[in-house]
Amino acid sequence: MFQEVGFGLLLSAVSLGASAQVVQNTTAKPDAVAPAAQSGPADSGQTASANSTMAELQQLIQNRALNELRTTYNGNYGASLLFKADDLTYYVALFQQKNFWRVLKTTSESQAEQTYKAFVEQTVQLADVDIRRIKLDAERAVTEKLISANETRLTALQNDLTMQRQQEQQVQARQEQARQEAAALANERQAAREQLNALQRQIRMLEEQQAKLENAGVGADTKRGR
């Protein structure tokens, strides 16, 4: 699918000038290195047919014989516009990750610029799925983190609730025990008061009896003294 899209764009680019040479349906080996936007084209370990624009571009990159004019990256896809100053030749490359995919060579600046723009538009289209996948993967990872955090929070709340219920049960048990002890103490106090009242009544009765006896003895002595 990718090669069909690239082939269509390249056909429209070739129609802009007869001097263009296009490498079609060429996929580089995994160890190829795409042009770098920061410091110009990087070396490439890619191998291709010796009689191809791809091989020519690889050799020029290895010899550092090109100037990088523009490079655009979209996801895993990129497009580069390179310039060979000694013969005013332009190279336009489309690549995926570090693998060259399409290469166009032309001496027409306008064709090079238009082909580069076409390649950039193609990288936007091709990278859309990858960019969406990257975003969805990031959202999934964040969601999983939130799930983990919420599960941890839920477990903590469940543990807190369990401990609170245990504490409530313990408090209720202590309250019930305290009520029972208070009731028992109240009964014991009532019994002690009743016992105290009974003893006090007995003491008063005995005191009254003793007082009567003493009064009776005093009366008898008084009569004898007369």
C-alpha atoms as a PDB file:
ATOM      1  CA  MET A   1       0.000   0.000   0.000  1.00  0.00           C
ATOM      2  CA  PHE A   2       2.810   2.405   0.869  1.00  0.00           C
ATOM      3  CA  GLN A   3       4.656   1.739  -2.390  1.00  0.00           C
ATOM      4  CA  GLU A   4       1.526   2.369  -4.442  1.00  0.00           C
ATOM      5  CA  VAL A   5       1.013   5.762  -2.777  1.00  0.00           C
ATOM      6  CA  GLY A   6       4.686   6.678  -3.268  1.00  0.00           C
ATOM      7  CA  PHE A   7       4.656   5.522  -6.887  1.00  0.00           C
ATOM      8  CA  GLY A   8       1.696   7.781  -7.704  1.00  0.00           C
ATOM      9  CA  LEU A   9       3.395  10.806  -6.244  1.00  0.00           C
ATOM     10  CA  LEU A  10       6.617  10.050  -8.048  1.00  0.00           C
ATOM     11  CA  LEU A  11       4.871   9.699 -11.387  1.00  0.00           C
ATOM     12  CA  SER A  12       3.437  13.190 -10.967  1.00  0.00           C
ATOM     13  CA  ALA A  13       6.886  14.457 -10.000  1.00  0.00           C
ATOM     14  CA  VAL A  14       8.567  12.874 -13.048  1.00  0.00           C
ATOM     15  CA  SER A  15       6.044  14.513 -15.380  1.00  0.00           C
ATOM     16  CA  LEU A  16       7.390  17.897 -14.317  1.00  0.00           C
ATOM     17  CA  GLY A  17      10.641  17.459 -16.270  1.00  0.00           C
ATOM     18  CA  ALA A  18      12.320  14.988 -18.587  1.00  0.00           C
ATOM     19  CA  SER A  19      15.656  15.302 -16.830  1.00  0.00           C
ATOM     20  CA  ALA A  20      14.417  13.547 -13.669  1.00  0.00           C
ATOM     21  CA  GLN A  21      15.606  10.048 -12.793  1.00  0.00           C
ATOM     22  CA  VAL A  22      13.446   8.088 -10.331  1.00  0.00           C
ATOM     23  CA  VAL A  23      14.140   4.954  -8.329  1.00  0.00           C
ATOM     24  CA  GLN A  24      10.812   3.163  -7.918  1.00  0.00           C
ATOM     25  CA  ASN A  25       9.830   0.298  -5.596  1.00  0.00           C
ATOM     26  CA  THR A  26      13.258   0.280  -3.920  1.00  0.00           C
ATOM     27  CA  THR A  27      13.483  -0.608  -0.235  1.00  0.00           C
ATOM     28  CA  ALA A  28      16.738  -0.210   1.649  1.00  0.00           C
ATOM     29  CA  LYS A  29      18.215  -2.673   4.084  1.00  0.00           C
ATOM     30  CA  PRO A  30      17.553  -2.067   7.824  1.00  0.00           C
ATOM     31  CA  ASP A  31      21.028  -0.647   8.491  1.00  0.00           C
ATOM     32  CA  ALA A  32      20.540   2.349   6.192  1.00  0.00           C
ATOM     33  CA  VAL A  33      20.784   5.810   7.706  1.00  0.00           C
ATOM     34  CA  ALA A  34      18.440   8.580   6.554  1.00  0.00           C
ATOM     35  CA  PRO A  35      19.624  12.194   6.186  1.00  0.00           C
ATOM     36  CA  ALA A  36      19.800  13.939   9.545  1.00  0.00           C
ATOM     37  CA  ALA A  37      18.227  17.385   9.933  1.00  0.00           C
ATOM     38  CA  GLN A  38      20.720  18.468  12.557  1.00  0.00           C
ATOM     39  CA  SER A  39      24.065  17.999  10.804  1.00  0.00           C
ATOM     40  CA  GLY A  40      23.414  17.131   7.182  1.00  0.00           C
ATOM     41  CA  PRO A  41      23.160  13.709   5.526  1.00  0.00           C
ATOM     42  CA  ALA A  42      24.508  10.825   7.549  1.00  0.00           C
ATOM     43  CA  ASP A  43      26.516   7.852   6.283  1.00  0.00           C
ATOM     44  CA  SER A  44      24.522   4.965   4.881  1.00  0.00           C
ATOM     45  CA  GLY A  45      25.384   1.287   5.021  1.00  0.00           C
ATOM     46  CA  GLN A  46      22.630   0.574   2.540  1.00  0.00           C
ATOM     47  CA  THR A  47      23.414  -1.456  -0.544  1.00  0.00           C
ATOM     48  CA  ALA A  48      21.646  -1.179  -3.863  1.00  0.00           C
ATOM     49  CA  SER A  49      22.247  -1.896  -7.496  1.00  0.00           C
ATOM     50  CA  ALA A  50      25.437  -0.224  -8.607  1.00  0.00           C
ATOM     51  CA  ASN A  51      23.634   1.247 -11.589  1.00  0.00           C
ATOM     52  CA  SER A  52      20.893   3.115  -9.687  1.00  0.00           C
ATOM     53  CA  THR A  53      20.155   6.540  -8.316  1.00  0.00           C
ATOM     54  CA  MET A  54      19.828   4.933  -4.875  1.00  0.00           C
ATOM     55  CA  ALA A  55      23.410   3.656  -4.984  1.00  0.00           C
ATOM     56  CA  GLU A  56      24.606   7.009  -6.293  1.00  0.00           C
ATOM     57  CA  LEU A  57      22.891   8.828  -3.421  1.00  0.00           C
ATOM     58  CA  GLN A  58      24.324   6.413  -0.895  1.00  0.00           C
ATOM     59  CA  GLN A  59      27.828   6.961  -2.195  1.00  0.00           C
ATOM     60  CA  LEU A  60      27.432  10.729  -2.133  1.00  0.00           C
ATOM     61  CA  ILE A  61      26.124  10.579   1.469  1.00  0.00           C
ATOM     62  CA  GLN A  62      29.078   8.428   2.498  1.00  0.00           C
ATOM     63  CA  ASN A  63      31.464  10.856   0.818  1.00  0.00           C
ATOM     64  CA  ARG A  64      29.690  13.801   2.453  1.00  0.00           C
ATOM     65  CA  ALA A  65      29.352  15.378  -0.932  1.00  0.00           C
ATOM     66  CA  LEU A  66      25.827  16.723  -0.423  1.00  0.00           C
ATOM     67  CA  ASN A  67      24.328  19.695   1.356  1.00  0.00           C
ATOM     68  CA  GLU A  68      21.088  19.087   3.216  1.00  0.00           C
ATOM     69  CA  LEU A  69      18.646  21.845   2.294  1.00  0.00           C
ATOM     70  CA  ARG A  70      15.484  20.590   3.968  1.00  0.00           C
ATOM     71  CA  THR A  71      14.364  17.611   6.020  1.00  0.00           C
ATOM     72  CA  THR A  72      10.920  16.935   7.415  1.00  0.00           C
ATOM     73  CA  TYR A  73       9.937  14.134   9.789  1.00  0.00           C
ATOM     74  CA  ASN A  74       6.430  12.884  10.420  1.00  0.00           C
ATOM     75  CA  GLY A  75       6.339   9.920  12.756  1.00  0.00           C
ATOM     76  CA  ASN A  76       8.575   7.203  11.289  1.00  0.00           C
ATOM     77  CA  TYR A  77       8.586   8.816   7.853  1.00  0.00           C
ATOM     78  CA  GLY A  78      10.742  11.595   6.476  1.00  0.00           C
ATOM     79  CA  ALA A  79      11.632  13.515   3.335  1.00  0.00           C
ATOM     80  CA  SER A  80      14.911  15.244   2.525  1.00  0.00           C
ATOM     81  CA  LEU A  81      15.995  17.710  -0.138  1.00  0.00           C
ATOM     82  CA  LEU A  82      19.738  17.411  -0.826  1.00  0.00           C
ATOM     83  CA  PHE A  83      21.965  19.471  -3.115  1.00  0.00           C
ATOM     84  CA  LYS A  84      25.196  18.582  -4.925  1.00  0.00           C
ATOM     85  CA  ALA A  85      26.844  21.943  -5.398  1.00  0.00           C
ATOM     86  CA  ASP A  86      29.546  20.997  -7.908  1.00  0.00           C
ATOM     87  CA  ASP A  87      27.051  20.124 -10.635  1.00  0.00           C
ATOM     88  CA  LEU A  88      23.869  21.860  -9.321  1.00  0.00           C
ATOM     89  CA  THR A  89      22.048  18.547  -8.914  1.00  0.00           C
ATOM     90  CA  TYR A  90      19.189  17.993  -6.492  1.00  0.00           C
ATOM     91  CA  TYR A  91      18.305  14.726  -4.774  1.00  0.00           C
ATOM     92  CA  VAL A  92      14.905  14.268  -3.134  1.00  0.00           C
ATOM     93  CA  ALA A  93      14.602  11.255  -0.820  1.00  0.00           C
ATOM     94  CA  LEU A  94      11.633   9.688   0.912  1.00  0.00           C
ATOM     95  CA  PHE A  95      12.453   7.332   3.766  1.00  0.00           C
ATOM     96  CA  GLN A  96      10.806   5.267   6.458  1.00  0.00           C
ATOM     97  CA  GLN A  97      12.685   5.179   9.746  1.00  0.00           C
ATOM     98  CA  LYS A  98      16.280   4.811   8.454  1.00  0.00           C
ATOM     99  CA  ASN A  99      15.396   3.093   5.201  1.00  0.00           C
ATOM    100  CA  PHE A 100      15.379   5.030   1.926  1.00  0.00           C
ATOM    101  CA  TRP A 101      12.191   4.384   0.045  1.00  0.00           C
ATOM    102  CA  ARG A 102      12.100   6.754  -2.930  1.00  0.00           C
ATOM    103  CA  VAL A 103      14.869   8.831  -4.491  1.00  0.00           C
ATOM    104  CA  LEU A 104      14.574  11.419  -7.262  1.00  0.00           C
ATOM    105  CA  LYS A 105      17.516  13.124  -8.983  1.00  0.00           C
ATOM    106  CA  THR A 106      16.996  16.289 -11.004  1.00  0.00           C
ATOM    107  CA  THR A 107      18.741  19.468 -12.090  1.00  0.00           C
ATOM    108  CA  SER A 108      15.473  21.397 -11.895  1.00  0.00           C
ATOM    109  CA  GLU A 109      15.138  23.385  -8.689  1.00  0.00           C
ATOM    110  CA  SER A 110      11.392  23.823  -9.101  1.00  0.00           C
ATOM    111  CA  GLN A 111      10.892  20.118  -9.712  1.00  0.00           C
ATOM    112  CA  ALA A 112      13.030  19.281  -6.691  1.00  0.00           C
ATOM    113  CA  GLU A 113      11.026  21.663  -4.499  1.00  0.00           C
ATOM    114  CA  GLN A 114       7.676  20.369  -5.756  1.00  0.00           C
ATOM    115  CA  THR A 115       8.754  16.742  -5.370  1.00  0.00           C
ATOM    116  CA  TYR A 116       9.987  17.483  -1.887  1.00  0.00           C
ATOM    117  CA  LYS A 117       6.618  19.047  -1.008  1.00  0.00           C
ATOM    118  CA  ALA A 118       4.859  15.997  -2.476  1.00  0.00           C
ATOM    119  CA  PHE A 119       7.046  13.676  -0.405  1.00  0.00           C
ATOM    120  CA  VAL A 120       6.360  15.753   2.737  1.00  0.00           C
ATOM    121  CA  GLU A 121       2.618  15.517   2.124  1.00  0.00           C
ATOM    122  CA  GLN A 122       3.015  11.790   1.694  1.00  0.00           C
ATOM    123  CA  THR A 123       4.866  11.499   5.010  1.00  0.00           C
ATOM    124  CA  VAL A 124       1.964  13.325   6.677  1.00  0.00           C
ATOM    125  CA  GLN A 125      -0.511  10.824   5.260  1.00  0.00           C
ATOM    126  CA  LEU A 126       1.650   7.795   5.990  1.00  0.00           C
ATOM    127  CA  ALA A 127       2.506   8.921   9.503  1.00  0.00           C
ATOM    128  CA  ASP A 128      -1.097   9.659  10.467  1.00  0.00           C
ATOM    129  CA  VAL A 129      -1.755   6.075  11.539  1.00  0.00           C
ATOM    130  CA  ASP A 130       1.539   5.850  13.438  1.00  0.00           C
ATOM    131  CA  ILE A 131       0.962   9.178  15.176  1.00  0.00           C
ATOM    132  CA  ARG A 132      -2.541   8.105  16.118  1.00  0.00           C
ATOM    133  CA  ARG A 133      -1.142   4.809  17.416  1.00  0.00           C
ATOM    134  CA  ILE A 134       1.489   6.668  19.480  1.00  0.00           C
ATOM    135  CA  LYS A 135      -1.162   8.949  20.981  1.00  0.00           C
ATOM    136  CA  LEU A 136      -3.531   6.065  21.683  1.00  0.00           C
ATOM    137  CA  ASP A 137      -0.709   4.084  23.254  1.00  0.00           C
ATOM    138  CA  ALA A 138       0.175   7.062  25.460  1.00  0.00           C
ATOM    139  CA  GLU A 139      -3.461   7.526  26.445  1.00  0.00           C
ATOM    140  CA  ARG A 140      -3.707   3.810  27.194  1.00  0.00           C
ATOM    141  CA  ALA A 141      -0.584   3.978  29.377  1.00  0.00           C
ATOM    142  CA  VAL A 142      -1.929   7.009  31.249  1.00  0.00           C
ATOM    143  CA  THR A 143      -5.297   5.303  31.666  1.00  0.00           C
ATOM    144  CA  GLU A 144      -3.592   2.192  33.023  1.00  0.00           C
ATOM    145  CA  LYS A 145      -1.678   4.364  35.497  1.00  0.00           C
ATOM    146  CA  LEU A 146      -4.942   6.000  36.561  1.00  0.00           C
ATOM    147  CA  ILE A 147      -6.549   2.574  36.891  1.00  0.00           C
ATOM    148  CA  SER A 148      -3.638   1.391  39.036  1.00  0.00           C
ATOM    149  CA  ALA A 149      -3.793   4.546  41.172  1.00  0.00           C
ATOM    150  CA  ASN A 150      -7.554   4.233  41.572  1.00  0.00           C
ATOM    151  CA  GLU A 151      -7.273   0.540  42.417  1.00  0.00           C
ATOM    152  CA  THR A 152      -4.697   1.423  45.065  1.00  0.00           C
ATOM    153  CA  ARG A 153      -6.984   4.171  46.381  1.00  0.00           C
ATOM    154  CA  LEU A 154      -9.970   1.832  46.338  1.00  0.00           C
ATOM    155  CA  THR A 155      -8.035  -0.820  48.241  1.00  0.00           C
ATOM    156  CA  ALA A 156      -6.929   1.791  50.783  1.00  0.00           C
ATOM    157  CA  LEU A 157     -10.519   2.996  51.246  1.00  0.00           C
ATOM    158  CA  GLN A 158     -11.770  -0.583  51.576  1.00  0.00           C
ATOM    159  CA  ASN A 159      -9.075  -1.279  54.171  1.00  0.00           C
ATOM    160  CA  ASP A 160      -9.961   1.934  55.995  1.00  0.00           C
ATOM    161  CA  LEU A 161     -13.628   1.006  55.969  1.00  0.00           C
ATOM    162  CA  THR A 162     -12.864  -2.496  57.231  1.00  0.00           C
ATOM    163  CA  MET A 163     -10.722  -1.085  60.033  1.00  0.00           C
ATOM    164  CA  GLN A 164     -13.395   1.480  60.891  1.00  0.00           C
ATOM    165  CA  ARG A 165     -16.025  -1.239  61.087  1.00  0.00           C
ATOM    166  CA  GLN A 166     -13.735  -3.341  63.262  1.00  0.00           C
ATOM    167  CA  GLN A 167     -13.113  -0.355  65.506  1.00  0.00           C
ATOM    168  CA  GLU A 168     -16.840   0.348  65.674  1.00  0.00           C
ATOM    169  CA  GLN A 169     -17.490  -3.265  66.633  1.00  0.00           C
ATOM    170  CA  GLN A 170     -14.787  -3.063  69.275  1.00  0.00           C
ATOM    171  CA  VAL A 171     -16.180   0.227  70.572  1.00  0.00           C
ATOM    172  CA  GLN A 172     -19.689  -1.218  70.658  1.00  0.00           C
ATOM    173  CA  ALA A 173     -18.379  -4.289  72.476  1.00  0.00           C
ATOM    174  CA  ARG A 174     -16.565  -2.093  74.991  1.00  0.00           C
ATOM    175  CA  GLN A 175     -19.683   0.045  75.403  1.00  0.00           C
ATOM    176  CA  GLU A 176     -21.813  -3.028  75.999  1.00  0.00           C
ATOM    177  CA  GLN A 177     -19.301  -4.391  78.476  1.00  0.00           C
ATOM    178  CA  ALA A 178     -19.182  -1.026  80.229  1.00  0.00           C
ATOM    179  CA  ARG A 179     -22.989  -0.918  80.384  1.00  0.00           C
ATOM    180  CA  GLN A 180     -23.079  -4.406  81.838  1.00  0.00           C
ATOM    181  CA  GLU A 181     -20.388  -3.522  84.353  1.00  0.00           C
ATOM    182  CA  ALA A 182     -22.223  -0.302  85.236  1.00  0.00           C
ATOM    183  CA  ALA A 183     -25.464  -2.223  85.683  1.00  0.00           C
ATOM    184  CA  ALA A 184     -23.709  -4.779  87.878  1.00  0.00           C
ATOM    185  CA  LEU A 185     -22.097  -2.014  89.921  1.00  0.00           C
ATOM    186  CA  ALA A 186     -25.461  -0.295  90.271  1.00  0.00           C
ATOM    187  CA  ASN A 187     -26.980  -3.523  91.562  1.00  0.00           C
ATOM    188  CA  GLU A 188     -24.065  -4.031  93.914  1.00  0.00           C
ATOM    189  CA  ARG A 189     -24.378  -0.445  95.137  1.00  0.00           C
ATOM    190  CA  GLN A 190     -28.097  -0.885  95.697  1.00  0.00           C
ATOM    191  CA  ALA A 191     -27.482  -4.107  97.577  1.00  0.00           C
ATOM    192  CA  ALA A 192     -24.764  -2.419  99.639  1.00  0.00           C
ATOM    193  CA  ARG A 193     -27.080   0.503 100.434  1.00  0.00           C
ATOM    194  CA  GLU A 194     -29.826  -1.862 101.453  1.00  0.00           C
ATOM    195  CA  GLN A 195     -27.385  -3.750 103.631  1.00  0.00           C
ATOM    196  CA  LEU A 196     -26.159  -0.467 105.100  1.00  0.00           C
ATOM    197  CA  ASN A 197     -29.720   0.673 105.773  1.00  0.00           C
ATOM    198  CA  ALA A 198     -30.505  -2.633 107.416  1.00  0.00           C
ATOM    199  CA  LEU A 199     -27.437  -2.404 109.631  1.00  0.00           C
ATOM    200  CA  GLN A 200     -28.248   1.193 110.487  1.00  0.00           C
ATOM    201  CA  ARG A 201     -31.821   0.175 111.426  1.00  0.00           C
ATOM    202  CA  GLN A 202     -30.491  -2.601 113.617  1.00  0.00           C
ATOM    203  CA  ILE A 203     -28.062  -0.209 115.248  1.00  0.00           C
ATOM    204  CA  ARG A 204     -30.845   2.292 115.934  1.00  0.00           C
ATOM    205  CA  MET A 205     -33.052  -0.430 117.400  1.00  0.00           C
ATOM    206  CA  LEU A 206     -30.271  -1.610 119.635  1.00  0.00           C
ATOM    207  CA  GLU A 207     -29.468   1.962 120.610  1.00  0.00           C
ATOM    208  CA  GLU A 208     -33.123   2.579 121.438  1.00  0.00           C
ATOM    209  CA  GLN A 209     -33.278  -0.624 123.476  1.00  0.00           C
ATOM    210  CA  GLN A 210     -30.095   0.318 125.278  1.00  0.00           C
ATOM    211  CA  ALA A 211     -31.425   3.798 125.957  1.00  0.00           C
ATOM    212  CA  LYS A 212     -34.657   2.357 127.412  1.00  0.00           C
ATOM    213  CA  LEU A 213     -32.683   0.034 129.628  1.00  0.00           C
ATOM    214  CA  GLU A 214     -30.515   2.882 130.821  1.00  0.00           C
ATOM    215  CA  ASN A 215     -33.556   5.059 131.487  1.00  0.00           C
ATOM    216  CA  ALA A 216     -35.221   2.254 133.392  1.00  0.00           C
ATOM    217  CA  GLY A 217     -32.115   1.763 135.571  1.00  0.00           C
ATOM    218  CA  VAL A 218     -31.904   5.460 136.392  1.00  0.00           C
ATOM    219  CA  GLY A 219     -35.569   5.507 137.492  1.00  0.00           C
ATOM    220  CA  ALA A 220     -35.050   2.638 139.867  1.00  0.00           C
ATOM    221  CA  ASP A 221     -32.028   4.250 141.507  1.00  0.00           C
ATOM    222  CA  THR A 222     -33.962   7.443 142.017  1.00  0.00           C
ATOM    223  CA  LYS A 223     -36.730   5.668 143.829  1.00  0.00           C
ATOM    224  CA  ARG A 224     -34.307   3.937 146.177  1.00  0.00           C
ATOM    225  CA  GLY A 225     -32.627   7.195 147.070  1.00  0.00           C
ATOM    226  CA  ARG A 226     -35.873   8.643 148.330  1.00  0.00           C
END
